[in-house]
PDB file of N, CA and C in Angstrom:
ATOM      1  N   MET A   1      28.056 140.935 118.313  1.00  0.00           N
ATOM      2  CA  MET A   1      29.109 141.849 117.980  1.00  0.00           C
ATOM      3  C   MET A   1      29.405 142.755 119.188  1.00  0.00           C
ATOM      4  N   ALA A   2      30.687 142.957 119.466  1.00  0.00           N
ATOM      5  CA  ALA A   2      31.091 143.817 120.573  1.00  0.00           C
ATOM      6  C   ALA A   2      30.716 145.267 120.273  1.00  0.00           C
ATOM      7  N   GLN A   3      30.349 145.975 121.314  1.00  0.00           N
ATOM      8  CA  GLN A   3      30.016 147.379 121.127  1.00  0.00           C
ATOM      9  C   GLN A   3      30.833 148.236 122.092  1.00  0.00           C
ATOM     10  N   PRO A   4      31.042 149.506 121.740  1.00  0.00           N
ATOM     11  CA  PRO A   4      31.816 150.384 122.612  1.00  0.00           C
ATOM     12  C   PRO A   4      31.177 150.516 123.997  1.00  0.00           C
ATOM     13  N   ILE A   5      32.036 150.645 124.987  1.00  0.00           N
ATOM     14  CA  ILE A   5      31.608 150.817 126.373  1.00  0.00           C
ATOM     15  C   ILE A   5      32.046 152.201 126.834  1.00  0.00           C
ATOM     16  N   CYS A   6      31.125 152.938 127.413  1.00  0.00           N
ATOM     17  CA  CYS A   6      31.441 154.251 127.985  1.00  0.00           C
ATOM     18  C   CYS A   6      31.570 154.107 129.491  1.00  0.00           C
ATOM     19  N   LYS A   7      32.572 154.759 130.035  1.00  0.00           N
ATOM     20  CA  LYS A   7      32.778 154.774 131.488  1.00  0.00           C
ATOM     21  C   LYS A   7      32.680 156.228 131.945  1.00  0.00           C
ATOM     22  N   PHE A   8      31.624 156.536 132.671  1.00  0.00           N
ATOM     23  CA  PHE A   8      31.415 157.867 133.213  1.00  0.00           C
ATOM     24  C   PHE A   8      32.009 157.893 134.613  1.00  0.00           C
ATOM     25  N   PHE A   9      32.757 158.949 134.931  1.00  0.00           N
ATOM     26  CA  PHE A   9      33.428 158.972 136.241  1.00  0.00           C
ATOM     27  C   PHE A   9      33.373 160.351 136.886  1.00  0.00           C
ATOM     28  N   MET A  10      33.516 160.319 138.208  1.00  0.00           N
ATOM     29  CA  MET A  10      33.739 161.515 139.021  1.00  0.00           C
ATOM     30  C   MET A  10      34.910 161.156 139.927  1.00  0.00           C
ATOM     31  N   SER A  11      35.855 162.076 140.089  1.00  0.00           N
ATOM     32  CA  SER A  11      37.056 161.735 140.833  1.00  0.00           C
ATOM     33  C   SER A  11      37.645 162.931 141.559  1.00  0.00           C
ATOM     34  N   ARG A  12      38.595 162.613 142.434  1.00  0.00           N
ATOM     35  CA  ARG A  12      39.341 163.656 143.137  1.00  0.00           C
ATOM     36  C   ARG A  12      40.666 163.082 143.601  1.00  0.00           C
ATOM     37  N   PHE A  13      41.627 163.966 143.781  1.00  0.00           N
ATOM     38  CA  PHE A  13      42.909 163.572 144.333  1.00  0.00           C
ATOM     39  C   PHE A  13      42.844 163.670 145.843  1.00  0.00           C
ATOM     40  N   LEU A  14      43.567 162.760 146.513  1.00  0.00           N
ATOM     41  CA  LEU A  14      43.644 162.731 147.965  1.00  0.00           C
ATOM     42  C   LEU A  14      45.006 163.260 148.411  1.00  0.00           C
ATOM     43  N   GLU A  15      45.218 163.374 149.690  1.00  0.00           N
ATOM     44  CA  GLU A  15      46.440 163.971 150.237  1.00  0.00           C
ATOM     45  C   GLU A  15      47.739 163.371 149.692  1.00  0.00           C
ATOM     46  N   PRO A  16      47.860 162.033 149.533  1.00  0.00           N
ATOM     47  CA  PRO A  16      49.124 161.504 148.997  1.00  0.00           C
ATOM     48  C   PRO A  16      49.506 162.100 147.638  1.00  0.00           C
ATOM     49  N   TRP A  17      48.523 162.452 146.821  1.00  0.00           N
ATOM     50  CA  TRP A  17      48.798 163.052 145.521  1.00  0.00           C
ATOM     51  C   TRP A  17      49.538 164.376 145.689  1.00  0.00           C
ATOM     52  N   TYR A  18      49.103 165.157 146.654  1.00  0.00           N
ATOM     53  CA  TYR A  18      49.673 166.483 146.848  1.00  0.00           C
ATOM     54  C   TYR A  18      51.065 166.436 147.483  1.00  0.00           C
ATOM     55  N   GLN A  19      51.468 165.264 147.964  1.00  0.00           N
ATOM     56  CA  GLN A  19      52.812 165.088 148.502  1.00  0.00           C
ATOM     57  C   GLN A  19      53.833 164.845 147.379  1.00  0.00           C
ATOM     58  N   LEU A  20      53.344 164.542 146.185  1.00  0.00           N
ATOM     59  CA  LEU A  20      54.219 164.280 145.045  1.00  0.00           C
ATOM     60  C   LEU A  20      54.678 165.585 144.407  1.00  0.00           C
ATOM     61  N   SER A  21      55.842 165.534 143.792  1.00  0.00           N
ATOM     62  CA  SER A  21      56.312 166.699 143.042  1.00  0.00           C
ATOM     63  C   SER A  21      55.482 166.833 141.766  1.00  0.00           C
ATOM     64  N   LYS A  22      55.539 167.982 141.134  1.00  0.00           N
ATOM     65  CA  LYS A  22      54.832 168.209 139.870  1.00  0.00           C
ATOM     66  C   LYS A  22      55.300 167.209 138.813  1.00  0.00           C
ATOM     67  N   GLU A  23      56.602 166.913 138.792  1.00  0.00           N
ATOM     68  CA  GLU A  23      57.151 165.954 137.832  1.00  0.00           C
ATOM     69  C   GLU A  23      56.586 164.553 138.073  1.00  0.00           C
ATOM     70  N   GLU A  24      56.479 164.165 139.344  1.00  0.00           N
ATOM     71  CA  GLU A  24      55.909 162.846 139.670  1.00  0.00           C
ATOM     72  C   GLU A  24      54.434 162.789 139.281  1.00  0.00           C
ATOM     73  N   GLN A  25      53.699 163.845 139.552  1.00  0.00           N
ATOM     74  CA  GLN A  25      52.285 163.898 139.174  1.00  0.00           C
ATOM     75  C   GLN A  25      52.138 163.775 137.655  1.00  0.00           C
ATOM     76  N   ASP A  26      52.926 164.549 136.928  1.00  0.00           N
ATOM     77  CA  ASP A  26      52.857 164.511 135.466  1.00  0.00           C
ATOM     78  C   ASP A  26      53.206 163.129 134.931  1.00  0.00           C
ATOM     79  N   SER A  27      54.191 162.473 135.539  1.00  0.00           N
ATOM     80  CA  SER A  27      54.599 161.139 135.106  1.00  0.00           C
ATOM     81  C   SER A  27      53.476 160.122 135.322  1.00  0.00           C
ATOM     82  N   LEU A  28      52.799 160.197 136.463  1.00  0.00           N
ATOM     83  CA  LEU A  28      51.709 159.263 136.746  1.00  0.00           C
ATOM     84  C   LEU A  28      50.529 159.485 135.799  1.00  0.00           C
ATOM     85  N   VAL A  29      50.200 160.729 135.541  1.00  0.00           N
ATOM     86  CA  VAL A  29      49.108 161.033 134.611  1.00  0.00           C
ATOM     87  C   VAL A  29      49.462 160.519 133.215  1.00  0.00           C
ATOM     88  N   ALA A  30      50.707 160.688 132.804  1.00  0.00           N
ATOM     89  CA  ALA A  30      51.150 160.187 131.492  1.00  0.00           C
ATOM     90  C   ALA A  30      51.021 158.668 131.433  1.00  0.00           C
ATOM     91  N   LYS A  31      51.349 157.969 132.515  1.00  0.00           N
ATOM     92  CA  LYS A  31      51.211 156.505 132.556  1.00  0.00           C
ATOM     93  C   LYS A  31      49.748 156.089 132.429  1.00  0.00           C
ATOM     94  N   LEU A  32      48.859 156.834 133.074  1.00  0.00           N
ATOM     95  CA  LEU A  32      47.428 156.531 132.954  1.00  0.00           C
ATOM     96  C   LEU A  32      46.963 156.715 131.515  1.00  0.00           C
ATOM     97  N   HIS A  33      47.375 157.815 130.892  1.00  0.00           N
ATOM     98  CA  HIS A  33      46.980 158.059 129.500  1.00  0.00           C
ATOM     99  C   HIS A  33      47.544 156.976 128.581  1.00  0.00           C
ATOM    100  N   ASP A  34      48.778 156.552 128.835  1.00  0.00           N
ATOM    101  CA  ASP A  34      49.385 155.481 128.035  1.00  0.00           C
ATOM    102  C   ASP A  34      48.618 154.170 128.194  1.00  0.00           C
ATOM    103  N   ALA A  35      48.233 153.852 129.441  1.00  0.00           N
ATOM    104  CA  ALA A  35      47.481 152.616 129.694  1.00  0.00           C
ATOM    105  C   ALA A  35      46.132 152.653 128.981  1.00  0.00           C
ATOM    106  N   LEU A  36      45.482 153.819 128.986  1.00  0.00           N
ATOM    107  CA  LEU A  36      44.196 153.971 128.302  1.00  0.00           C
ATOM    108  C   LEU A  36      44.375 153.784 126.794  1.00  0.00           C
ATOM    109  N   LYS A  37      45.382 154.432 126.245  1.00  0.00           N
ATOM    110  CA  LYS A  37      45.652 154.343 124.807  1.00  0.00           C
ATOM    111  C   LYS A  37      46.003 152.909 124.404  1.00  0.00           C
ATOM    112  N   LYS A  38      46.751 152.215 125.262  1.00  0.00           N
ATOM    113  CA  LYS A  38      47.202 150.846 124.974  1.00  0.00           C
ATOM    114  C   LYS A  38      46.036 149.881 124.756  1.00  0.00           C
ATOM    115  N   VAL A  39      44.915 150.106 125.443  1.00  0.00           N
ATOM    116  CA  VAL A  39      43.755 149.216 125.287  1.00  0.00           C
ATOM    117  C   VAL A  39      42.754 149.757 124.262  1.00  0.00           C
ATOM    118  N   GLY A  40      43.119 150.849 123.588  1.00  0.00           N
ATOM    119  CA  GLY A  40      42.235 151.409 122.564  1.00  0.00           C
ATOM    120  C   GLY A  40      41.200 152.371 123.102  1.00  0.00           C
ATOM    121  N   GLY A  41      41.382 152.831 124.334  1.00  0.00           N
ATOM    122  CA  GLY A  41      40.430 153.751 124.937  1.00  0.00           C
ATOM    123  C   GLY A  41      40.754 155.203 124.644  1.00  0.00           C
ATOM    124  N   THR A  42      39.749 156.044 124.784  1.00  0.00           N
ATOM    125  CA  THR A  42      39.913 157.490 124.641  1.00  0.00           C
ATOM    126  C   THR A  42      39.193 158.173 125.797  1.00  0.00           C
ATOM    127  N   GLN A  43      39.562 159.422 126.029  1.00  0.00           N
ATOM    128  CA  GLN A  43      38.883 160.223 127.049  1.00  0.00           C
ATOM    129  C   GLN A  43      38.434 161.521 126.378  1.00  0.00           C
ATOM    130  N   PRO A  44      37.257 161.476 125.717  1.00  0.00           N
ATOM    131  CA  PRO A  44      36.805 162.650 124.971  1.00  0.00           C
ATOM    132  C   PRO A  44      36.604 163.893 125.827  1.00  0.00           C
ATOM    133  N   ILE A  45      36.199 163.689 127.070  1.00  0.00           N
ATOM    134  CA  ILE A  45      35.928 164.848 127.928  1.00  0.00           C
ATOM    135  C   ILE A  45      36.373 164.555 129.360  1.00  0.00           C
ATOM    136  N   ARG A  46      37.100 165.530 129.912  1.00  0.00           N
ATOM    137  CA  ARG A  46      37.390 165.558 131.347  1.00  0.00           C
ATOM    138  C   ARG A  46      37.118 166.990 131.774  1.00  0.00           C
ATOM    139  N   CYS A  47      36.273 167.145 132.776  1.00  0.00           N
ATOM    140  CA  CYS A  47      35.825 168.474 133.185  1.00  0.00           C
ATOM    141  C   CYS A  47      36.310 168.812 134.594  1.00  0.00           C
ATOM    142  N   ASN A  48      36.543 170.087 134.814  1.00  0.00           N
ATOM    143  CA  ASN A  48      36.830 170.596 136.152  1.00  0.00           C
ATOM    144  C   ASN A  48      35.483 170.801 136.841  1.00  0.00           C
ATOM    145  N   SER A  49      35.201 169.992 137.837  1.00  0.00           N
ATOM    146  CA  SER A  49      33.932 170.132 138.559  1.00  0.00           C
ATOM    147  C   SER A  49      34.151 170.660 139.973  1.00  0.00           C
ATOM    148  N   SER A  50      35.389 171.079 140.288  1.00  0.00           N
ATOM    149  CA  SER A  50      35.702 171.541 141.646  1.00  0.00           C
ATOM    150  C   SER A  50      34.911 172.796 142.024  1.00  0.00           C
ATOM    151  N   TRP A  51      34.527 173.580 141.046  1.00  0.00           N
ATOM    152  CA  TRP A  51      33.782 174.804 141.332  1.00  0.00           C
ATOM    153  C   TRP A  51      32.309 174.539 141.637  1.00  0.00           C
ATOM    154  N   SER A  52      31.833 173.322 141.324  1.00  0.00           N
ATOM    155  CA  SER A  52      30.411 173.032 141.515  1.00  0.00           C
ATOM    156  C   SER A  52      30.144 171.865 142.456  1.00  0.00           C
ATOM    157  N   SER A  53      31.207 171.239 142.965  1.00  0.00           N
ATOM    158  CA  SER A  53      31.036 170.065 143.818  1.00  0.00           C
ATOM    159  C   SER A  53      31.993 170.131 145.000  1.00  0.00           C
ATOM    160  N   ASP A  54      31.489 169.829 146.177  1.00  0.00           N
ATOM    161  CA  ASP A  54      32.348 169.762 147.361  1.00  0.00           C
ATOM    162  C   ASP A  54      33.148 168.472 147.394  1.00  0.00           C
ATOM    163  N   GLN A  55      32.676 167.446 146.702  1.00  0.00           N
ATOM    164  CA  GLN A  55      33.315 166.139 146.769  1.00  0.00           C
ATOM    165  C   GLN A  55      34.201 165.829 145.572  1.00  0.00           C
ATOM    166  N   TRP A  56      33.767 166.135 144.362  1.00  0.00           N
ATOM    167  CA  TRP A  56      34.472 165.688 143.167  1.00  0.00           C
ATOM    168  C   TRP A  56      35.148 166.848 142.445  1.00  0.00           C
ATOM    169  N   SER A  57      36.426 166.668 142.126  1.00  0.00           N
ATOM    170  CA  SER A  57      37.198 167.706 141.441  1.00  0.00           C
ATOM    171  C   SER A  57      37.115 167.591 139.926  1.00  0.00           C
ATOM    172  N   PHE A  58      36.958 166.346 139.420  1.00  0.00           N
ATOM    173  CA  PHE A  58      36.928 166.088 137.979  1.00  0.00           C
ATOM    174  C   PHE A  58      35.766 165.167 137.649  1.00  0.00           C
ATOM    175  N   ALA A  59      35.261 165.320 136.449  1.00  0.00           N
ATOM    176  CA  ALA A  59      34.237 164.409 135.944  1.00  0.00           C
ATOM    177  C   ALA A  59      34.477 164.266 134.444  1.00  0.00           C
ATOM    178  N   GLY A  60      34.008 163.176 133.886  1.00  0.00           N
ATOM    179  CA  GLY A  60      34.177 162.992 132.457  1.00  0.00           C
ATOM    180  C   GLY A  60      33.776 161.601 132.034  1.00  0.00           C
ATOM    181  N   TYR A  61      34.241 161.228 130.853  1.00  0.00           N
ATOM    182  CA  TYR A  61      33.972 159.871 130.402  1.00  0.00           C
ATOM    183  C   TYR A  61      35.096 159.369 129.519  1.00  0.00           C
ATOM    184  N   GLU A  62      35.208 158.053 129.500  1.00  0.00           N
ATOM    185  CA  GLU A  62      36.169 157.343 128.665  1.00  0.00           C
ATOM    186  C   GLU A  62      35.388 156.386 127.783  1.00  0.00           C
ATOM    187  N   VAL A  63      35.897 156.136 126.592  1.00  0.00           N
ATOM    188  CA  VAL A  63      35.246 155.213 125.669  1.00  0.00           C
ATOM    189  C   VAL A  63      36.231 154.097 125.346  1.00  0.00           C
ATOM    190  N   PHE A  64      35.755 152.860 125.481  1.00  0.00           N
ATOM    191  CA  PHE A  64      36.555 151.668 125.221  1.00  0.00           C
ATOM    192  C   PHE A  64      35.921 150.895 124.071  1.00  0.00           C
ATOM    193  N   PRO A  65      36.744 150.185 123.289  1.00  0.00           N
ATOM    194  CA  PRO A  65      36.177 149.452 122.149  1.00  0.00           C
ATOM    195  C   PRO A  65      35.251 148.311 122.562  1.00  0.00           C
ATOM    196  N   ASP A  66      35.479 147.719 123.737  1.00  0.00           N
ATOM    197  CA  ASP A  66      34.652 146.608 124.212  1.00  0.00           C
ATOM    198  C   ASP A  66      34.915 146.374 125.693  1.00  0.00           C
ATOM    199  N   ILE A  67      34.180 145.455 126.288  1.00  0.00           N
ATOM    200  CA  ILE A  67      34.304 145.205 127.725  1.00  0.00           C
ATOM    201  C   ILE A  67      35.671 144.621 128.077  1.00  0.00           C
ATOM    202  N   GLU A  68      36.271 143.875 127.163  1.00  0.00           N
ATOM    203  CA  GLU A  68      37.602 143.320 127.424  1.00  0.00           C
ATOM    204  C   GLU A  68      38.627 144.439 127.607  1.00  0.00           C
ATOM    205  N   ALA A  69      38.501 145.502 126.836  1.00  0.00           N
ATOM    206  CA  ALA A  69      39.407 146.644 126.974  1.00  0.00           C
ATOM    207  C   ALA A  69      39.226 147.325 128.336  1.00  0.00           C
ATOM    208  N   VAL A  70      37.981 147.423 128.794  1.00  0.00           N
ATOM    209  CA  VAL A  70      37.705 147.992 130.123  1.00  0.00           C
ATOM    210  C   VAL A  70      38.399 147.146 131.189  1.00  0.00           C
ATOM    211  N   GLN A  71      38.271 145.827 131.066  1.00  0.00           N
ATOM    212  CA  GLN A  71      38.868 144.928 132.050  1.00  0.00           C
ATOM    213  C   GLN A  71      40.388 145.007 132.035  1.00  0.00           C
ATOM    214  N   LYS A  72      40.986 145.085 130.853  1.00  0.00           N
ATOM    215  CA  LYS A  72      42.445 145.224 130.757  1.00  0.00           C
ATOM    216  C   LYS A  72      42.908 146.525 131.392  1.00  0.00           C
ATOM    217  N   TYR A  73      42.198 147.593 131.115  1.00  0.00           N
ATOM    218  CA  TYR A  73      42.561 148.904 131.655  1.00  0.00           C
ATOM    219  C   TYR A  73      42.481 148.914 133.184  1.00  0.00           C
ATOM    220  N   GLY A  74      41.516 148.222 133.728  1.00  0.00           N
ATOM    221  CA  GLY A  74      41.348 148.181 135.179  1.00  0.00           C
ATOM    222  C   GLY A  74      42.195 147.135 135.868  1.00  0.00           C
ATOM    223  N   GLY A  75      42.903 146.322 135.107  1.00  0.00           N
ATOM    224  CA  GLY A  75      43.674 145.222 135.675  1.00  0.00           C
ATOM    225  C   GLY A  75      45.140 145.522 135.860  1.00  0.00           C
ATOM    226  N   PRO A  76      45.915 144.454 136.117  1.00  0.00           N
ATOM    227  CA  PRO A  76      47.330 144.613 136.438  1.00  0.00           C
ATOM    228  C   PRO A  76      48.186 145.197 135.319  1.00  0.00           C
ATOM    229  N   SER A  77      47.739 145.126 134.079  1.00  0.00           N
ATOM    230  CA  SER A  77      48.525 145.718 132.995  1.00  0.00           C
ATOM    231  C   SER A  77      48.035 147.128 132.662  1.00  0.00           C
ATOM    232  N   GLY A  78      47.056 147.611 133.408  1.00  0.00           N
ATOM    233  CA  GLY A  78      46.505 148.946 133.177  1.00  0.00           C
ATOM    234  C   GLY A  78      46.733 149.859 134.363  1.00  0.00           C
ATOM    235  N   VAL A  79      45.658 150.392 134.906  1.00  0.00           N
ATOM    236  CA  VAL A  79      45.769 151.385 135.969  1.00  0.00           C
ATOM    237  C   VAL A  79      46.389 150.834 137.248  1.00  0.00           C
ATOM    238  N   LYS A  80      46.327 149.539 137.470  1.00  0.00           N
ATOM    239  CA  LYS A  80      46.920 148.987 138.684  1.00  0.00           C
ATOM    240  C   LYS A  80      48.447 149.096 138.675  1.00  0.00           C
ATOM    241  N   LEU A  81      49.025 149.324 137.492  1.00  0.00           N
ATOM    242  CA  LEU A  81      50.470 149.560 137.389  1.00  0.00           C
ATOM    243  C   LEU A  81      50.846 150.913 137.972  1.00  0.00           C
ATOM    244  N   VAL A  82      49.899 151.813 138.029  1.00  0.00           N
ATOM    245  CA  VAL A  82      50.172 153.199 138.395  1.00  0.00           C
ATOM    246  C   VAL A  82      49.832 153.435 139.863  1.00  0.00           C
ATOM    247  N   PRO A  83      50.814 153.850 140.654  1.00  0.00           N
ATOM    248  CA  PRO A  83      50.567 154.046 142.087  1.00  0.00           C
ATOM    249  C   PRO A  83      49.683 155.243 142.410  1.00  0.00           C
ATOM    250  N   ILE A  84      49.121 155.881 141.396  1.00  0.00           N
ATOM    251  CA  ILE A  84      48.229 157.019 141.619  1.00  0.00           C
ATOM    252  C   ILE A  84      47.012 156.619 142.461  1.00  0.00           C
ATOM    253  N   LEU A  85      46.652 155.342 142.418  1.00  0.00           N
ATOM    254  CA  LEU A  85      45.415 154.900 143.048  1.00  0.00           C
ATOM    255  C   LEU A  85      45.360 155.177 144.543  1.00  0.00           C
ATOM    256  N   ARG A  86      46.492 155.203 145.229  1.00  0.00           N
ATOM    257  CA  ARG A  86      46.435 155.490 146.659  1.00  0.00           C
ATOM    258  C   ARG A  86      46.222 156.966 146.934  1.00  0.00           C
ATOM    259  N   GLY A  87      46.398 157.801 145.922  1.00  0.00           N
ATOM    260  CA  GLY A  87      46.183 159.232 146.072  1.00  0.00           C
ATOM    261  C   GLY A  87      45.006 159.735 145.273  1.00  0.00           C
ATOM    262  N   TYR A  88      44.081 158.834 144.982  1.00  0.00           N
ATOM    263  CA  TYR A  88      43.007 159.149 144.052  1.00  0.00           C
ATOM    264  C   TYR A  88      41.753 158.395 144.477  1.00  0.00           C
ATOM    265  N   GLU A  89      40.622 159.051 144.375  1.00  0.00           N
ATOM    266  CA  GLU A  89      39.344 158.404 144.669  1.00  0.00           C
ATOM    267  C   GLU A  89      38.395 158.704 143.520  1.00  0.00           C
ATOM    268  N   ALA A  90      37.611 157.701 143.150  1.00  0.00           N
ATOM    269  CA  ALA A  90      36.687 157.896 142.032  1.00  0.00           C
ATOM    270  C   ALA A  90      35.471 156.997 142.183  1.00  0.00           C
ATOM    271  N   THR A  91      34.432 157.382 141.505  1.00  0.00           N
ATOM    272  CA  THR A  91      33.266 156.530 141.340  1.00  0.00           C
ATOM    273  C   THR A  91      32.943 156.545 139.852  1.00  0.00           C
ATOM    274  N   SER A  92      32.463 155.427 139.364  1.00  0.00           N
ATOM    275  CA  SER A  92      32.198 155.362 137.924  1.00  0.00           C
ATOM    276  C   SER A  92      31.040 154.420 137.637  1.00  0.00           C
ATOM    277  N   VAL A  93      30.540 154.538 136.420  1.00  0.00           N
ATOM    278  CA  VAL A  93      29.484 153.654 135.937  1.00  0.00           C
ATOM    279  C   VAL A  93      29.759 153.385 134.458  1.00  0.00           C
ATOM    280  N   LEU A  94      29.529 152.139 134.048  1.00  0.00           N
ATOM    281  CA  LEU A  94      29.696 151.752 132.660  1.00  0.00           C
ATOM    282  C   LEU A  94      28.356 151.764 131.950  1.00  0.00           C
ATOM    283  N   GLY A  95      28.398 152.029 130.664  1.00  0.00           N
ATOM    284  CA  GLY A  95      27.165 151.988 129.881  1.00  0.00           C
ATOM    285  C   GLY A  95      27.461 151.808 128.409  1.00  0.00           C
ATOM    286  N   THR A  96      26.423 151.505 127.658  1.00  0.00           N
ATOM    287  CA  THR A  96      26.522 151.402 126.204  1.00  0.00           C
ATOM    288  C   THR A  96      25.583 152.455 125.607  1.00  0.00           C
ATOM    289  N   LYS A  97      25.852 152.810 124.368  1.00  0.00           N
ATOM    290  CA  LYS A  97      25.053 153.845 123.718  1.00  0.00           C
ATOM    291  C   LYS A  97      23.598 153.408 123.616  1.00  0.00           C
ATOM    292  N   LEU A  98      22.719 154.303 124.003  1.00  0.00           N
ATOM    293  CA  LEU A  98      21.289 154.060 123.919  1.00  0.00           C
ATOM    294  C   LEU A  98      20.792 154.626 122.596  1.00  0.00           C
ATOM    295  N   GLU A  99      20.339 153.739 121.746  1.00  0.00           N
ATOM    296  CA  GLU A  99      19.821 154.148 120.438  1.00  0.00           C
ATOM    297  C   GLU A  99      18.366 154.573 120.586  1.00  0.00           C
ATOM    298  N   PRO A 100      17.967 155.620 119.866  1.00  0.00           N
ATOM    299  CA  PRO A 100      16.553 156.029 119.920  1.00  0.00           C
ATOM    300  C   PRO A 100      15.648 154.914 119.426  1.00  0.00           C
ATOM    301  N   SER A 101      14.521 154.764 120.090  1.00  0.00           N
ATOM    302  CA  SER A 101      13.591 153.712 119.655  1.00  0.00           C
ATOM    303  C   SER A 101      12.487 154.257 118.807  1.00  0.00           C
TER     304      SER A 101
END
């Protein structure tokens, strides 16, 4: 049986992001949220980590219904549709819920 996949991330915007207008930035973020929603994903938490990290401005996690949803979100019908990637850097790790033993 498929189980939910959590994607923990740390990210920051790069210089190309800051060259965009506020409207363009908002539009790209909306496209990312739409792509996440389209595959059944959620983002329960996104945190401002700029005050505690020299490298990462945001941190958080996303939850996907299964690994196929993660792959769709990361593929050509998901985030690759959004040109935000050239103005954005991130690192992430996938995991599944650890049940107490």
